[in-house]
Amino acid sequence: MLFTASHVRGVFLIEPERRIDERGFFARTWCQQEFSARGLNPCVAQCNTSLSHKQGTLRGLHYQVAPHAEAKLVRCVRGAVFDVAVDLRTDSPTLHQWFGAELTADNRQMLYVPQGCAHGYLTLCDDTEVLYQVSDFYCPQAERGVRWNDPKFGISWPQPLRVISPKDGSYRLLEDQRAA
């Protein structure tokens, strides 16, 4: 696997290294040793998939708080998404910075989102499916979210938002959450 560090501490764009022959190719999409060697969380507690029917569907920005904070490895297996990680770690030199990448079924790239970062994505075409591995089990009491259009982050989404769940749409700005 080819690991490319982003400007946000601990966020990596990962590309499977393909071994090509007359049959097609073979590529590794997960290796505990390679993740551990880079200081990334190698634990996989569960795998999730989501299907979004409409282009412009936004999911996020989600995270879980300690002790259930989770790292994610995200891959688009059908269609395309603009996938985003936002640093919410108060001790991080990249606090409130974000990194986004276009993940598609064709480019097969993956985004590694470390614990303490919010995650979300916008679908770039209809019928998009995303598969992601997470390092901790889902815990409803630890679930949190921040607004997708929070000016503190200034995320440049590449397309207009068309569909969002009531829950994701109700997340407050980070500043309002801290004041409460």
Protein backbone atom coordinates (compact mmCIF):
# COMPACT_ATOMS: atom_id res chain seq x y z
CA MET A 1 0.00 0.00 0.00
CA LEU A 2 1.14 3.53 -0.72
CA PHE A 3 0.61 5.94 2.19
CA THR A 4 0.56 9.68 1.51
CA ALA A 5 0.41 11.93 4.57
CA SER A 6 -1.92 14.92 4.34
CA HIS A 7 -1.29 18.30 5.96
CA VAL A 8 -3.63 17.27 8.82
CA ARG A 9 -1.70 15.31 11.44
CA GLY A 10 -2.46 11.60 11.21
CA VAL A 11 -4.73 11.78 8.14
CA PHE A 12 -3.47 9.66 5.23
CA LEU A 13 -4.56 9.01 1.66
CA ILE A 14 -3.84 5.35 0.96
CA GLU A 15 -3.64 3.71 -2.42
CA PRO A 16 -3.57 -0.05 -2.92
CA GLU A 17 -0.40 -1.05 -4.72
CA ARG A 18 -1.58 -3.19 -7.63
CA ARG A 19 0.18 -6.31 -8.87
CA ILE A 20 -0.98 -6.52 -12.48
CA ASP A 21 -0.91 -9.54 -14.80
CA GLU A 22 -2.99 -10.95 -17.66
CA ARG A 23 -5.85 -11.81 -15.27
CA GLY A 24 -6.20 -8.27 -13.91
CA PHE A 25 -4.67 -7.19 -10.63
CA PHE A 26 -4.28 -8.06 -6.98
CA ALA A 27 -3.92 -5.42 -4.25
CA ARG A 28 -3.84 -5.36 -0.49
CA THR A 29 -6.35 -2.94 1.08
CA TRP A 30 -5.52 -3.66 4.72
CA CYS A 31 -2.41 -4.79 6.59
CA GLN A 32 -2.12 -4.57 10.36
CA GLN A 33 1.69 -4.51 10.18
CA GLU A 34 1.80 -1.64 7.66
CA PHE A 35 -0.62 0.45 9.72
CA SER A 36 1.23 -0.24 12.97
CA ALA A 37 4.58 0.61 11.39
CA ARG A 38 3.25 4.11 10.62
CA GLY A 39 1.77 4.62 14.09
CA LEU A 40 -1.80 4.25 12.80
CA ASN A 41 -4.46 2.41 14.77
CA PRO A 42 -4.45 -1.16 13.40
CA CYS A 43 -7.60 -2.29 15.23
CA VAL A 44 -10.73 -3.14 13.22
CA ALA A 45 -13.77 -3.60 15.44
CA GLN A 46 -16.42 -3.43 12.73
CA CYS A 47 -16.95 -2.76 9.04
CA ASN A 48 -19.81 -0.61 7.76
CA THR A 49 -21.26 0.16 4.38
CA SER A 50 -23.61 2.90 3.23
CA LEU A 51 -25.48 3.43 -0.01
CA SER A 52 -26.63 6.91 -1.02
CA HIS A 53 -29.14 7.06 -3.85
CA LYS A 54 -28.73 10.72 -4.81
CA GLN A 55 -25.79 12.83 -5.90
CA GLY A 56 -25.23 15.63 -3.38
CA THR A 57 -26.02 13.49 -0.33
CA LEU A 58 -24.00 14.58 2.67
CA ARG A 59 -23.23 12.23 5.55
CA GLY A 60 -21.47 13.78 8.53
CA LEU A 61 -19.57 15.30 10.10
CA HIS A 62 -19.47 12.48 12.69
CA TYR A 63 -17.13 11.32 15.44
CA GLN A 64 -17.19 9.45 18.74
CA VAL A 65 -15.66 10.74 21.98
CA ALA A 66 -13.34 8.82 24.30
CA PRO A 67 -13.28 6.17 25.49
CA HIS A 68 -15.01 5.13 22.25
CA ALA A 69 -13.12 7.40 19.85
CA GLU A 70 -12.64 5.63 16.55
CA ALA A 71 -10.25 5.67 13.65
CA LYS A 72 -11.76 5.00 10.22
CA LEU A 73 -10.48 3.63 6.93
CA VAL A 74 -12.89 4.76 4.20
CA ARG A 75 -13.18 3.50 0.63
CA CYS A 76 -15.74 4.18 -2.09
CA VAL A 77 -16.65 0.91 -3.81
CA ARG A 78 -19.29 2.29 -6.21
CA GLY A 79 -19.60 5.82 -7.53
CA ALA A 80 -17.64 8.72 -6.04
CA VAL A 81 -17.45 10.83 -2.88
CA PHE A 82 -15.61 13.86 -1.61
CA ASP A 83 -14.39 12.51 1.72
CA VAL A 84 -13.36 14.87 4.53
CA ALA A 85 -11.53 14.60 7.86
CA VAL A 86 -11.61 17.56 10.29
CA ASP A 87 -9.13 17.73 13.17
CA LEU A 88 -10.91 18.27 16.51
CA ARG A 89 -7.98 17.26 18.75
CA THR A 90 -7.29 20.17 21.10
CA ASP A 91 -3.61 19.16 21.46
CA SER A 92 -3.03 18.96 17.70
CA PRO A 93 -0.98 21.46 15.71
CA THR A 94 -3.57 21.07 12.93
CA LEU A 95 -6.62 21.72 15.14
CA HIS A 96 -9.69 22.75 13.05
CA GLN A 97 -7.91 22.05 9.76
CA TRP A 98 -9.50 19.71 7.25
CA PHE A 99 -8.37 17.46 4.45
CA GLY A 100 -10.58 16.27 1.62
CA ALA A 101 -10.04 13.80 -1.20
CA GLU A 102 -12.11 12.41 -4.01
CA LEU A 103 -12.52 8.69 -3.47
CA THR A 104 -13.96 6.75 -6.38
CA ALA A 105 -14.59 3.16 -7.31
CA ASP A 106 -12.09 3.68 -10.13
CA ASN A 107 -9.19 5.24 -8.20
CA ARG A 108 -9.63 2.79 -5.26
CA GLN A 109 -8.00 5.26 -2.88
CA MET A 110 -8.81 5.16 0.84
CA LEU A 111 -8.81 7.83 3.52
CA TYR A 112 -7.48 7.08 6.99
CA VAL A 113 -9.20 9.25 9.61
CA PRO A 114 -7.59 9.06 13.08
CA GLN A 115 -9.35 9.23 16.44
CA GLY A 116 -10.31 12.76 17.36
CA CYS A 117 -11.20 13.79 13.83
CA ALA A 118 -14.71 14.30 12.52
CA HIS A 119 -15.55 12.53 9.27
CA GLY A 120 -18.06 13.12 6.52
CA TYR A 121 -18.54 12.86 2.79
CA LEU A 122 -20.57 14.25 -0.07
CA THR A 123 -21.66 11.94 -2.88
CA LEU A 124 -20.58 13.09 -6.33
CA CYS A 125 -22.92 10.83 -8.30
CA ASP A 126 -26.07 8.77 -7.84
CA ASP A 127 -26.00 5.31 -6.25
CA THR A 128 -22.72 5.69 -4.40
CA GLU A 129 -21.61 3.04 -1.93
CA VAL A 130 -18.96 3.54 0.74
CA LEU A 131 -17.27 0.86 2.82
CA TYR A 132 -15.41 1.74 5.99
CA GLN A 133 -13.61 -0.05 8.76
CA VAL A 134 -13.71 1.43 12.26
CA SER A 135 -11.44 0.78 15.24
CA ASP A 136 -14.12 0.80 17.94
CA PHE A 137 -17.69 -0.37 18.25
CA TYR A 138 -20.52 2.06 17.65
CA CYS A 139 -21.61 3.60 20.96
CA PRO A 140 -24.69 5.86 20.73
CA GLN A 141 -23.76 7.67 23.96
CA ALA A 142 -20.35 8.63 22.50
CA GLU A 143 -21.67 9.78 19.13
CA ARG A 144 -21.17 13.46 18.27
CA GLY A 145 -21.26 15.66 15.23
CA VAL A 146 -20.42 19.12 13.96
CA ARG A 147 -22.00 21.20 11.20
CA TRP A 148 -20.87 20.40 7.68
CA ASN A 149 -20.72 24.13 6.83
CA ASP A 150 -19.12 25.42 10.05
CA PRO A 151 -17.14 28.57 9.11
CA LYS A 152 -14.46 27.60 11.65
CA PHE A 153 -13.46 24.81 9.24
CA GLY A 154 -14.25 26.44 5.89
CA ILE A 155 -14.63 23.17 4.01
CA SER A 156 -14.79 23.66 0.25
CA TRP A 157 -17.38 21.10 -0.78
CA PRO A 158 -17.10 20.56 -4.57
CA GLN A 159 -20.85 20.36 -5.25
CA PRO A 160 -24.03 21.70 -3.69
CA LEU A 161 -25.63 19.78 -0.85
CA ARG A 162 -28.99 18.27 -1.91
CA VAL A 163 -29.78 15.64 0.72
CA ILE A 164 -28.93 15.51 4.43
CA SER A 165 -30.53 13.61 7.30
CA PRO A 166 -32.42 15.62 9.92
CA LYS A 167 -29.86 14.51 12.53
CA ASP A 168 -26.84 15.59 10.46
CA GLY A 169 -28.59 18.83 9.53
CA SER A 170 -29.23 19.64 13.19
CA TYR A 171 -25.62 19.52 14.37
CA ARG A 172 -24.55 22.84 15.85
CA LEU A 173 -21.49 24.91 15.06
CA LEU A 174 -18.44 23.90 17.08
CA GLU A 175 -18.36 27.31 18.81
CA ASP A 176 -21.98 26.92 19.93
CA GLN A 177 -21.27 23.44 21.31
CA ARG A 178 -18.37 24.69 23.41
CA ALA A 179 -20.43 27.61 24.75
CA ALA A 180 -23.23 25.29 25.92
